């Protein structure tokens, strides 16, 4: 079965050398990321991983990780993701990271990403900015996403300590999506990372709002909360999208573990591919 990974990061030698991952060795040790891969994985080799896992397309994030005036913040330029998408048009699509501290320029950047580069959605890291999803500074970006007719995803749930000397507050409670969904009913909102440890809260938001979805990334499927598995295999089968958050979760591992969960075939197809096609306007499926 072909799958679509909606949450994927560039983790090549260039990003690592230039300090564009936001991740230090202590965090990579915590997630048990192999030492042999810590110098980076080329796009060619990553596509081999995708092939082995049966993933037809991955959405690459042009991450904006915090106010660049603050030590420890970082970004992956839109141009880097665009280069990857141009090189492998049939395997990658781009997501435009947003930085609410950049004001009007950030809105112009988002428009360029979508109209000129063909990016298919936006991405926001609340914890890197210590701004909850319902903060007023983020609202102009929601309005721009509506104007551009693209979805936006954001991390909800706990943030970890990605850097030893910069601790990030867990500001992304899933309940914060309630106000956003009410104020922007036409905007598709995806709460990624499952919402752990507030998974029930994330499920409640997806159940309440037609325009709220859940990304299953950043946590190994064999450790997914039981209520989350029940939800995606029943009344929530149209609301959960597959993702890895590579390099946090290896795509081959993710698919192998999902197949061991005993999910119904109909639900599995929705999770791995069909829901992504419903939420995103991907090449060949506009």
C-alpha atoms as a PDB file:
ATOM      1  CA  UNK A   1       0.000   0.000   0.000  1.00  0.00           C
ATOM      2  CA  UNK A   2       1.361   3.436  -0.930  1.00  0.00           C
ATOM      3  CA  UNK A   3       1.468   5.999   1.863  1.00  0.00           C
ATOM      4  CA  UNK A   4       1.900   9.758   2.270  1.00  0.00           C
ATOM      5  CA  UNK A   5       4.046  11.108   5.099  1.00  0.00           C
ATOM      6  CA  UNK A   6       2.729  14.568   5.996  1.00  0.00           C
ATOM      7  CA  UNK A   7       5.529  15.487   8.452  1.00  0.00           C
ATOM      8  CA  UNK A   8       9.136  15.136   7.321  1.00  0.00           C
ATOM      9  CA  UNK A   9      12.289  17.186   7.920  1.00  0.00           C
ATOM     10  CA  UNK A  10      15.344  17.723   5.785  1.00  0.00           C
ATOM     11  CA  UNK A  11      18.192  15.972   7.598  1.00  0.00           C
ATOM     12  CA  UNK A  12      20.999  15.979   5.079  1.00  0.00           C
ATOM     13  CA  UNK A  13      24.647  16.820   5.631  1.00  0.00           C
ATOM     14  CA  UNK A  14      24.012  20.449   4.691  1.00  0.00           C
ATOM     15  CA  UNK A  15      21.356  21.088   7.339  1.00  0.00           C
ATOM     16  CA  UNK A  16      23.519  19.488  10.012  1.00  0.00           C
ATOM     17  CA  UNK A  17      26.696  21.374   9.085  1.00  0.00           C
ATOM     18  CA  UNK A  18      24.817  24.663   9.008  1.00  0.00           C
ATOM     19  CA  UNK A  19      23.058  24.054  12.336  1.00  0.00           C
ATOM     20  CA  UNK A  20      19.575  24.002  10.839  1.00  0.00           C
ATOM     21  CA  UNK A  21      18.028  21.082  12.726  1.00  0.00           C
ATOM     22  CA  UNK A  22      17.590  22.561  16.203  1.00  0.00           C
ATOM     23  CA  UNK A  23      18.626  19.176  17.609  1.00  0.00           C
ATOM     24  CA  UNK A  24      21.597  18.415  19.819  1.00  0.00           C
ATOM     25  CA  UNK A  25      23.153  15.034  20.594  1.00  0.00           C
ATOM     26  CA  UNK A  26      21.424  14.772  23.982  1.00  0.00           C
ATOM     27  CA  UNK A  27      18.049  14.797  22.229  1.00  0.00           C
ATOM     28  CA  UNK A  28      19.200  12.369  19.548  1.00  0.00           C
ATOM     29  CA  UNK A  29      20.431  10.090  22.339  1.00  0.00           C
ATOM     30  CA  UNK A  30      17.029  10.360  24.015  1.00  0.00           C
ATOM     31  CA  UNK A  31      15.202   9.189  20.881  1.00  0.00           C
ATOM     32  CA  UNK A  32      17.936   6.594  20.236  1.00  0.00           C
ATOM     33  CA  UNK A  33      18.755   7.956  16.803  1.00  0.00           C
ATOM     34  CA  UNK A  34      21.547   5.852  15.223  1.00  0.00           C
ATOM     35  CA  UNK A  35      25.016   7.366  15.521  1.00  0.00           C
ATOM     36  CA  UNK A  36      25.799   6.170  12.006  1.00  0.00           C
ATOM     37  CA  UNK A  37      23.199   8.568  10.554  1.00  0.00           C
ATOM     38  CA  UNK A  38      23.977  11.681  12.597  1.00  0.00           C
ATOM     39  CA  UNK A  39      26.100  13.273   9.891  1.00  0.00           C
ATOM     40  CA  UNK A  40      23.043  13.346   7.663  1.00  0.00           C
ATOM     41  CA  UNK A  41      21.077  11.232   5.206  1.00  0.00           C
ATOM     42  CA  UNK A  42      21.121  12.286   1.557  1.00  0.00           C
ATOM     43  CA  UNK A  43      17.863  12.759  -0.294  1.00  0.00           C
ATOM     44  CA  UNK A  44      18.743   9.812  -2.504  1.00  0.00           C
ATOM     45  CA  UNK A  45      19.247   7.541   0.513  1.00  0.00           C
ATOM     46  CA  UNK A  46      16.141   8.854   2.229  1.00  0.00           C
ATOM     47  CA  UNK A  47      14.061   8.065  -0.838  1.00  0.00           C
ATOM     48  CA  UNK A  48      15.368   4.515  -0.527  1.00  0.00           C
ATOM     49  CA  UNK A  49      13.914   4.461   2.987  1.00  0.00           C
ATOM     50  CA  UNK A  50      10.636   5.759   1.595  1.00  0.00           C
ATOM     51  CA  UNK A  51      10.641   3.037  -1.049  1.00  0.00           C
ATOM     52  CA  UNK A  52      11.312   0.350   1.550  1.00  0.00           C
ATOM     53  CA  UNK A  53       8.409   1.658   3.628  1.00  0.00           C
ATOM     54  CA  UNK A  54       6.022   2.064   0.685  1.00  0.00           C
ATOM     55  CA  UNK A  55       5.833   5.851   1.041  1.00  0.00           C
ATOM     56  CA  UNK A  56       5.095   7.544  -2.264  1.00  0.00           C
ATOM     57  CA  UNK A  57       5.385  11.168  -1.135  1.00  0.00           C
ATOM     58  CA  UNK A  58       6.700  13.072   1.891  1.00  0.00           C
ATOM     59  CA  UNK A  59       5.890  16.651   2.825  1.00  0.00           C
ATOM     60  CA  UNK A  60       9.121  18.492   3.689  1.00  0.00           C
ATOM     61  CA  UNK A  61       9.015  21.305   6.223  1.00  0.00           C
ATOM     62  CA  UNK A  62      10.884  24.550   5.628  1.00  0.00           C
ATOM     63  CA  UNK A  63      11.128  24.954   9.376  1.00  0.00           C
ATOM     64  CA  UNK A  64      11.086  28.304  11.121  1.00  0.00           C
ATOM     65  CA  UNK A  65      12.198  27.401  14.615  1.00  0.00           C
ATOM     66  CA  UNK A  66      11.928  30.504  16.739  1.00  0.00           C
ATOM     67  CA  UNK A  67      12.787  34.182  16.549  1.00  0.00           C
ATOM     68  CA  UNK A  68      16.207  34.300  14.883  1.00  0.00           C
ATOM     69  CA  UNK A  69      17.210  37.100  17.249  1.00  0.00           C
ATOM     70  CA  UNK A  70      17.149  34.522  20.065  1.00  0.00           C
ATOM     71  CA  UNK A  71      20.118  32.186  20.506  1.00  0.00           C
ATOM     72  CA  UNK A  72      19.272  28.615  19.582  1.00  0.00           C
ATOM     73  CA  UNK A  73      16.636  29.523  16.999  1.00  0.00           C
ATOM     74  CA  UNK A  74      17.092  28.220  13.466  1.00  0.00           C
ATOM     75  CA  UNK A  75      15.427  27.903  10.107  1.00  0.00           C
ATOM     76  CA  UNK A  76      15.485  25.752   7.002  1.00  0.00           C
ATOM     77  CA  UNK A  77      15.174  28.250   4.142  1.00  0.00           C
ATOM     78  CA  UNK A  78      12.234  27.850   1.826  1.00  0.00           C
ATOM     79  CA  UNK A  79      14.765  27.624  -0.989  1.00  0.00           C
ATOM     80  CA  UNK A  80      16.298  24.443   0.466  1.00  0.00           C
ATOM     81  CA  UNK A  81      12.956  22.668   0.486  1.00  0.00           C
ATOM     82  CA  UNK A  82      12.082  24.016  -2.934  1.00  0.00           C
ATOM     83  CA  UNK A  83      15.352  22.608  -4.322  1.00  0.00           C
ATOM     84  CA  UNK A  84      14.488  19.156  -2.963  1.00  0.00           C
ATOM     85  CA  UNK A  85      10.960  19.340  -4.356  1.00  0.00           C
ATOM     86  CA  UNK A  86      12.243  20.430  -7.759  1.00  0.00           C
ATOM     87  CA  UNK A  87      14.837  17.650  -7.832  1.00  0.00           C
ATOM     88  CA  UNK A  88      12.313  14.961  -6.861  1.00  0.00           C
ATOM     89  CA  UNK A  89       8.960  16.366  -7.973  1.00  0.00           C
ATOM     90  CA  UNK A  90       7.215  13.019  -7.747  1.00  0.00           C
ATOM     91  CA  UNK A  91       8.385  12.324  -4.170  1.00  0.00           C
ATOM     92  CA  UNK A  92       8.397  15.575  -2.179  1.00  0.00           C
ATOM     93  CA  UNK A  93       6.120  18.561  -1.605  1.00  0.00           C
ATOM     94  CA  UNK A  94       6.898  21.576   0.568  1.00  0.00           C
ATOM     95  CA  UNK A  95       5.432  23.037   3.736  1.00  0.00           C
ATOM     96  CA  UNK A  96       6.155  26.662   4.622  1.00  0.00           C
ATOM     97  CA  UNK A  97       7.205  27.257   8.210  1.00  0.00           C
ATOM     98  CA  UNK A  98       5.801  30.450   9.697  1.00  0.00           C
ATOM     99  CA  UNK A  99       7.471  32.903  12.061  1.00  0.00           C
ATOM    100  CA  UNK A 100       4.949  35.269  13.711  1.00  0.00           C
ATOM    101  CA  UNK A 101       7.778  37.655  14.690  1.00  0.00           C
ATOM    102  CA  UNK A 102       8.421  38.622  11.058  1.00  0.00           C
ATOM    103  CA  UNK A 103       5.228  40.590  10.597  1.00  0.00           C
ATOM    104  CA  UNK A 104       4.170  41.450   7.058  1.00  0.00           C
ATOM    105  CA  UNK A 105       7.361  40.033   5.564  1.00  0.00           C
ATOM    106  CA  UNK A 106       6.465  36.634   6.948  1.00  0.00           C
ATOM    107  CA  UNK A 107       3.079  36.841   5.240  1.00  0.00           C
ATOM    108  CA  UNK A 108       4.720  37.801   1.955  1.00  0.00           C
ATOM    109  CA  UNK A 109       7.139  34.880   2.317  1.00  0.00           C
ATOM    110  CA  UNK A 110       4.236  32.476   2.810  1.00  0.00           C
ATOM    111  CA  UNK A 111       2.539  33.746  -0.337  1.00  0.00           C
ATOM    112  CA  UNK A 112       5.739  33.299  -2.357  1.00  0.00           C
ATOM    113  CA  UNK A 113       6.149  29.776  -1.016  1.00  0.00           C
ATOM    114  CA  UNK A 114       2.677  28.775  -2.173  1.00  0.00           C
ATOM    115  CA  UNK A 115       2.316  30.738  -5.409  1.00  0.00           C
ATOM    116  CA  UNK A 116       5.888  30.532  -6.718  1.00  0.00           C
ATOM    117  CA  UNK A 117       7.258  27.346  -5.145  1.00  0.00           C
ATOM    118  CA  UNK A 118       4.063  25.313  -5.090  1.00  0.00           C
ATOM    119  CA  UNK A 119       4.180  24.526  -1.367  1.00  0.00           C
ATOM    120  CA  UNK A 120       1.033  22.708  -0.268  1.00  0.00           C
ATOM    121  CA  UNK A 121       0.618  23.888   3.312  1.00  0.00           C
ATOM    122  CA  UNK A 122       1.972  25.854   6.253  1.00  0.00           C
ATOM    123  CA  UNK A 123       3.663  24.700   9.454  1.00  0.00           C
ATOM    124  CA  UNK A 124       3.932  26.347  12.885  1.00  0.00           C
ATOM    125  CA  UNK A 125       5.990  25.420  15.965  1.00  0.00           C
ATOM    126  CA  UNK A 126       4.234  27.092  18.931  1.00  0.00           C
ATOM    127  CA  UNK A 127       6.872  26.050  21.462  1.00  0.00           C
ATOM    128  CA  UNK A 128       9.822  27.533  19.575  1.00  0.00           C
ATOM    129  CA  UNK A 129       8.093  30.918  19.794  1.00  0.00           C
ATOM    130  CA  UNK A 130       6.384  30.314  23.159  1.00  0.00           C
ATOM    131  CA  UNK A 131       3.128  31.366  21.507  1.00  0.00           C
ATOM    132  CA  UNK A 132       0.053  29.123  21.863  1.00  0.00           C
ATOM    133  CA  UNK A 133      -1.884  28.337  18.663  1.00  0.00           C
ATOM    134  CA  UNK A 134      -4.644  30.810  19.577  1.00  0.00           C
ATOM    135  CA  UNK A 135      -2.284  33.755  20.132  1.00  0.00           C
ATOM    136  CA  UNK A 136      -3.191  36.982  18.291  1.00  0.00           C
ATOM    137  CA  UNK A 137       0.221  37.113  16.586  1.00  0.00           C
ATOM    138  CA  UNK A 138      -0.568  33.905  14.682  1.00  0.00           C
ATOM    139  CA  UNK A 139      -4.016  34.983  13.458  1.00  0.00           C
ATOM    140  CA  UNK A 140      -2.773  36.900  10.384  1.00  0.00           C
ATOM    141  CA  UNK A 141      -1.143  33.678   9.185  1.00  0.00           C
ATOM    142  CA  UNK A 142      -4.382  31.756   9.587  1.00  0.00           C
ATOM    143  CA  UNK A 143      -6.122  34.409   7.511  1.00  0.00           C
ATOM    144  CA  UNK A 144      -3.410  34.171   4.828  1.00  0.00           C
ATOM    145  CA  UNK A 145      -3.774  30.372   4.753  1.00  0.00           C
ATOM    146  CA  UNK A 146      -7.499  30.803   4.154  1.00  0.00           C
ATOM    147  CA  UNK A 147      -6.757  33.246   1.363  1.00  0.00           C
ATOM    148  CA  UNK A 148      -4.264  30.826  -0.214  1.00  0.00           C
ATOM    149  CA  UNK A 149      -6.561  27.829   0.381  1.00  0.00           C
ATOM    150  CA  UNK A 150      -3.937  25.751   2.191  1.00  0.00           C
ATOM    151  CA  UNK A 151      -4.045  23.829   5.479  1.00  0.00           C
ATOM    152  CA  UNK A 152      -1.747  24.593   8.396  1.00  0.00           C
ATOM    153  CA  UNK A 153      -0.241  22.090  10.813  1.00  0.00           C
ATOM    154  CA  UNK A 154       1.271  22.783  14.211  1.00  0.00           C
ATOM    155  CA  UNK A 155       2.770  20.811  17.048  1.00  0.00           C
ATOM    156  CA  UNK A 156       0.378  20.255  19.900  1.00  0.00           C
ATOM    157  CA  UNK A 157       1.195  18.552  23.170  1.00  0.00           C
ATOM    158  CA  UNK A 158       4.416  18.418  25.124  1.00  0.00           C
ATOM    159  CA  UNK A 159       7.644  19.850  23.775  1.00  0.00           C
ATOM    160  CA  UNK A 160      10.914  18.171  24.689  1.00  0.00           C
ATOM    161  CA  UNK A 161      14.333  19.665  25.399  1.00  0.00           C
ATOM    162  CA  UNK A 162      15.951  19.729  21.974  1.00  0.00           C
ATOM    163  CA  UNK A 163      18.906  21.824  23.147  1.00  0.00           C
ATOM    164  CA  UNK A 164      20.699  21.611  26.489  1.00  0.00           C
ATOM    165  CA  UNK A 165      20.716  25.344  27.199  1.00  0.00           C
ATOM    166  CA  UNK A 166      17.300  26.303  25.834  1.00  0.00           C
ATOM    167  CA  UNK A 167      14.250  24.811  27.459  1.00  0.00           C
ATOM    168  CA  UNK A 168      10.957  25.336  25.653  1.00  0.00           C
ATOM    169  CA  UNK A 169       7.607  25.623  27.388  1.00  0.00           C
ATOM    170  CA  UNK A 170       4.801  23.286  26.317  1.00  0.00           C
ATOM    171  CA  UNK A 171       2.425  26.005  25.124  1.00  0.00           C
ATOM    172  CA  UNK A 172       0.634  23.938  22.476  1.00  0.00           C
ATOM    173  CA  UNK A 173      -2.325  22.526  24.384  1.00  0.00           C
ATOM    174  CA  UNK A 174      -4.761  21.024  21.853  1.00  0.00           C
ATOM    175  CA  UNK A 175      -7.662  22.921  23.420  1.00  0.00           C
ATOM    176  CA  UNK A 176      -6.108  26.096  21.977  1.00  0.00           C
ATOM    177  CA  UNK A 177      -7.268  24.888  18.551  1.00  0.00           C
ATOM    178  CA  UNK A 178     -10.863  25.339  19.696  1.00  0.00           C
ATOM    179  CA  UNK A 179     -10.840  29.116  19.319  1.00  0.00           C
ATOM    180  CA  UNK A 180      -8.926  28.965  16.028  1.00  0.00           C
ATOM    181  CA  UNK A 181     -11.354  26.440  14.554  1.00  0.00           C
ATOM    182  CA  UNK A 182     -14.294  28.594  15.621  1.00  0.00           C
ATOM    183  CA  UNK A 183     -12.783  31.757  14.164  1.00  0.00           C
ATOM    184  CA  UNK A 184     -11.598  30.138  10.910  1.00  0.00           C
ATOM    185  CA  UNK A 185     -14.129  27.389  10.085  1.00  0.00           C
ATOM    186  CA  UNK A 186     -12.909  27.157   6.474  1.00  0.00           C
ATOM    187  CA  UNK A 187      -9.268  26.586   7.521  1.00  0.00           C
ATOM    188  CA  UNK A 188      -8.027  23.009   7.795  1.00  0.00           C
ATOM    189  CA  UNK A 189      -6.037  22.692  11.031  1.00  0.00           C
ATOM    190  CA  UNK A 190      -3.814  19.704  11.747  1.00  0.00           C
ATOM    191  CA  UNK A 191      -2.572  19.131  15.279  1.00  0.00           C
ATOM    192  CA  UNK A 192       0.581  17.073  14.804  1.00  0.00           C
ATOM    193  CA  UNK A 193       2.438  14.904  17.361  1.00  0.00           C
ATOM    194  CA  UNK A 194      -0.911  13.383  18.545  1.00  0.00           C
ATOM    195  CA  UNK A 195      -1.248  15.901  21.378  1.00  0.00           C
ATOM    196  CA  UNK A 196       0.544  13.695  23.913  1.00  0.00           C
ATOM    197  CA  UNK A 197       0.095  13.891  26.897  1.00  0.00           C
ATOM    198  CA  UNK A 198      -3.256  15.605  26.151  1.00  0.00           C
ATOM    199  CA  UNK A 199      -4.389  13.048  23.574  1.00  0.00           C
ATOM    200  CA  UNK A 200      -7.996  13.037  24.782  1.00  0.00           C
ATOM    201  CA  UNK A 201      -8.061  16.810  24.332  1.00  0.00           C
ATOM    202  CA  UNK A 202      -6.783  16.470  20.758  1.00  0.00           C
ATOM    203  CA  UNK A 203      -9.358  13.807  19.944  1.00  0.00           C
ATOM    204  CA  UNK A 204     -12.074  16.048  21.400  1.00  0.00           C
ATOM    205  CA  UNK A 205     -11.050  18.895  19.093  1.00  0.00           C
ATOM    206  CA  UNK A 206     -11.075  16.649  16.013  1.00  0.00           C
ATOM    207  CA  UNK A 207     -14.440  15.208  17.029  1.00  0.00           C
ATOM    208  CA  UNK A 208     -15.956  18.652  17.626  1.00  0.00           C
ATOM    209  CA  UNK A 209     -14.652  20.499  14.571  1.00  0.00           C
ATOM    210  CA  UNK A 210     -15.055  19.387  10.982  1.00  0.00           C
ATOM    211  CA  UNK A 211     -11.908  21.340  10.061  1.00  0.00           C
ATOM    212  CA  UNK A 212      -9.579  19.875  12.727  1.00  0.00           C
ATOM    213  CA  UNK A 213      -7.387  16.837  12.017  1.00  0.00           C
ATOM    214  CA  UNK A 214      -4.667  14.926  13.864  1.00  0.00           C
ATOM    215  CA  UNK A 215      -1.145  14.065  12.687  1.00  0.00           C
ATOM    216  CA  UNK A 216       0.175  10.746  13.992  1.00  0.00           C
ATOM    217  CA  UNK A 217       3.868  11.674  13.780  1.00  0.00           C
ATOM    218  CA  UNK A 218       6.768  11.921  16.271  1.00  0.00           C
ATOM    219  CA  UNK A 219       5.746   8.899  18.346  1.00  0.00           C
ATOM    220  CA  UNK A 220       6.473   5.284  17.518  1.00  0.00           C
ATOM    221  CA  UNK A 221       3.166   3.584  16.591  1.00  0.00           C
ATOM    222  CA  UNK A 222       3.670   0.760  19.075  1.00  0.00           C
ATOM    223  CA  UNK A 223       3.552   3.411  21.804  1.00  0.00           C
ATOM    224  CA  UNK A 224       0.467   5.249  20.516  1.00  0.00           C
ATOM    225  CA  UNK A 225      -2.153   5.752  23.247  1.00  0.00           C
ATOM    226  CA  UNK A 226      -4.859   3.093  23.070  1.00  0.00           C
ATOM    227  CA  UNK A 227      -7.673   5.650  22.820  1.00  0.00           C
ATOM    228  CA  UNK A 228      -5.939   7.210  19.812  1.00  0.00           C
ATOM    229  CA  UNK A 229      -5.767   3.856  18.025  1.00  0.00           C
ATOM    230  CA  UNK A 230      -9.453   3.211  18.796  1.00  0.00           C
ATOM    231  CA  UNK A 231     -10.401   6.651  17.490  1.00  0.00           C
ATOM    232  CA  UNK A 232      -8.559   6.351  14.167  1.00  0.00           C
ATOM    233  CA  UNK A 233     -10.000   2.873  13.688  1.00  0.00           C
ATOM    234  CA  UNK A 234     -13.616   3.938  14.310  1.00  0.00           C
ATOM    235  CA  UNK A 235     -15.397   7.308  14.283  1.00  0.00           C
ATOM    236  CA  UNK A 236     -12.124   9.154  13.626  1.00  0.00           C
ATOM    237  CA  UNK A 237     -10.967   7.185  10.615  1.00  0.00           C
ATOM    238  CA  UNK A 238     -11.396  10.278   8.411  1.00  0.00           C
ATOM    239  CA  UNK A 239      -9.563  12.598  10.805  1.00  0.00           C
ATOM    240  CA  UNK A 240      -6.044  11.152  11.341  1.00  0.00           C
ATOM    241  CA  UNK A 241      -3.098  11.534   8.933  1.00  0.00           C
ATOM    242  CA  UNK A 242       0.109   9.511   8.881  1.00  0.00           C
ATOM    243  CA  UNK A 243       3.432  11.203   9.549  1.00  0.00           C
ATOM    244  CA  UNK A 244       6.871  10.372  10.895  1.00  0.00           C
ATOM    245  CA  UNK A 245       8.575  13.652  11.834  1.00  0.00           C
ATOM    246  CA  UNK A 246      11.769  12.159  10.412  1.00  0.00           C
ATOM    247  CA  UNK A 247      14.429  12.011  11.827  1.00  0.00           C
ATOM    248  CA  UNK A 248      12.442  11.455  15.031  1.00  0.00           C
ATOM    249  CA  UNK A 249      10.750   8.312  13.691  1.00  0.00           C
ATOM    250  CA  UNK A 250      12.238   6.178  10.932  1.00  0.00           C
ATOM    251  CA  UNK A 251       9.667   5.631   8.136  1.00  0.00           C
ATOM    252  CA  UNK A 252      10.393   1.931   7.798  1.00  0.00           C
ATOM    253  CA  UNK A 253       9.867   1.402  11.513  1.00  0.00           C
ATOM    254  CA  UNK A 254       6.667   3.460  11.469  1.00  0.00           C
ATOM    255  CA  UNK A 255       4.997   1.454   8.732  1.00  0.00           C
ATOM    256  CA  UNK A 256       6.084  -1.884  10.192  1.00  0.00           C
ATOM    257  CA  UNK A 257       4.649  -1.000  13.598  1.00  0.00           C
ATOM    258  CA  UNK A 258       1.386   0.393  12.188  1.00  0.00           C
ATOM    259  CA  UNK A 259       0.768  -2.872  10.365  1.00  0.00           C
ATOM    260  CA  UNK A 260       1.007  -4.697  13.703  1.00  0.00           C
ATOM    261  CA  UNK A 261      -1.732  -2.615  15.365  1.00  0.00           C
ATOM    262  CA  UNK A 262      -4.570  -4.671  13.880  1.00  0.00           C
ATOM    263  CA  UNK A 263      -6.291  -1.675  12.321  1.00  0.00           C
ATOM    264  CA  UNK A 264      -9.160  -2.386   9.921  1.00  0.00           C
ATOM    265  CA  UNK A 265      -8.201  -2.217   6.249  1.00  0.00           C
ATOM    266  CA  UNK A 266     -10.580   0.674   5.576  1.00  0.00           C
ATOM    267  CA  UNK A 267      -9.128   2.669   8.464  1.00  0.00           C
ATOM    268  CA  UNK A 268      -5.576   1.837   7.436  1.00  0.00           C
ATOM    269  CA  UNK A 269      -6.107   3.215   3.952  1.00  0.00           C
ATOM    270  CA  UNK A 270      -7.569   6.440   5.341  1.00  0.00           C
ATOM    271  CA  UNK A 271      -4.711   6.853   7.814  1.00  0.00           C
ATOM    272  CA  UNK A 272      -1.829   6.170   5.470  1.00  0.00           C
ATOM    273  CA  UNK A 273      -2.973   7.916   2.291  1.00  0.00           C
ATOM    274  CA  UNK A 274      -6.580   8.883   1.663  1.00  0.00           C
ATOM    275  CA  UNK A 275      -6.934  11.465   4.424  1.00  0.00           C
ATOM    276  CA  UNK A 276      -3.823  13.284   3.230  1.00  0.00           C
ATOM    277  CA  UNK A 277      -5.305  13.453  -0.272  1.00  0.00           C
ATOM    278  CA  UNK A 278      -8.480  14.940   1.212  1.00  0.00           C
ATOM    279  CA  UNK A 279      -6.685  17.618   3.228  1.00  0.00           C
ATOM    280  CA  UNK A 280      -3.852  18.629   0.876  1.00  0.00           C
ATOM    281  CA  UNK A 281      -3.927  19.595  -2.783  1.00  0.00           C
ATOM    282  CA  UNK A 282      -1.058  17.377  -3.900  1.00  0.00           C
ATOM    283  CA  UNK A 283       0.377  17.111  -7.421  1.00  0.00           C
ATOM    284  CA  UNK A 284      -1.865  14.951  -9.568  1.00  0.00           C
ATOM    285  CA  UNK A 285      -4.726  15.260  -7.081  1.00  0.00           C
ATOM    286  CA  UNK A 286      -5.670  18.951  -7.243  1.00  0.00           C
END
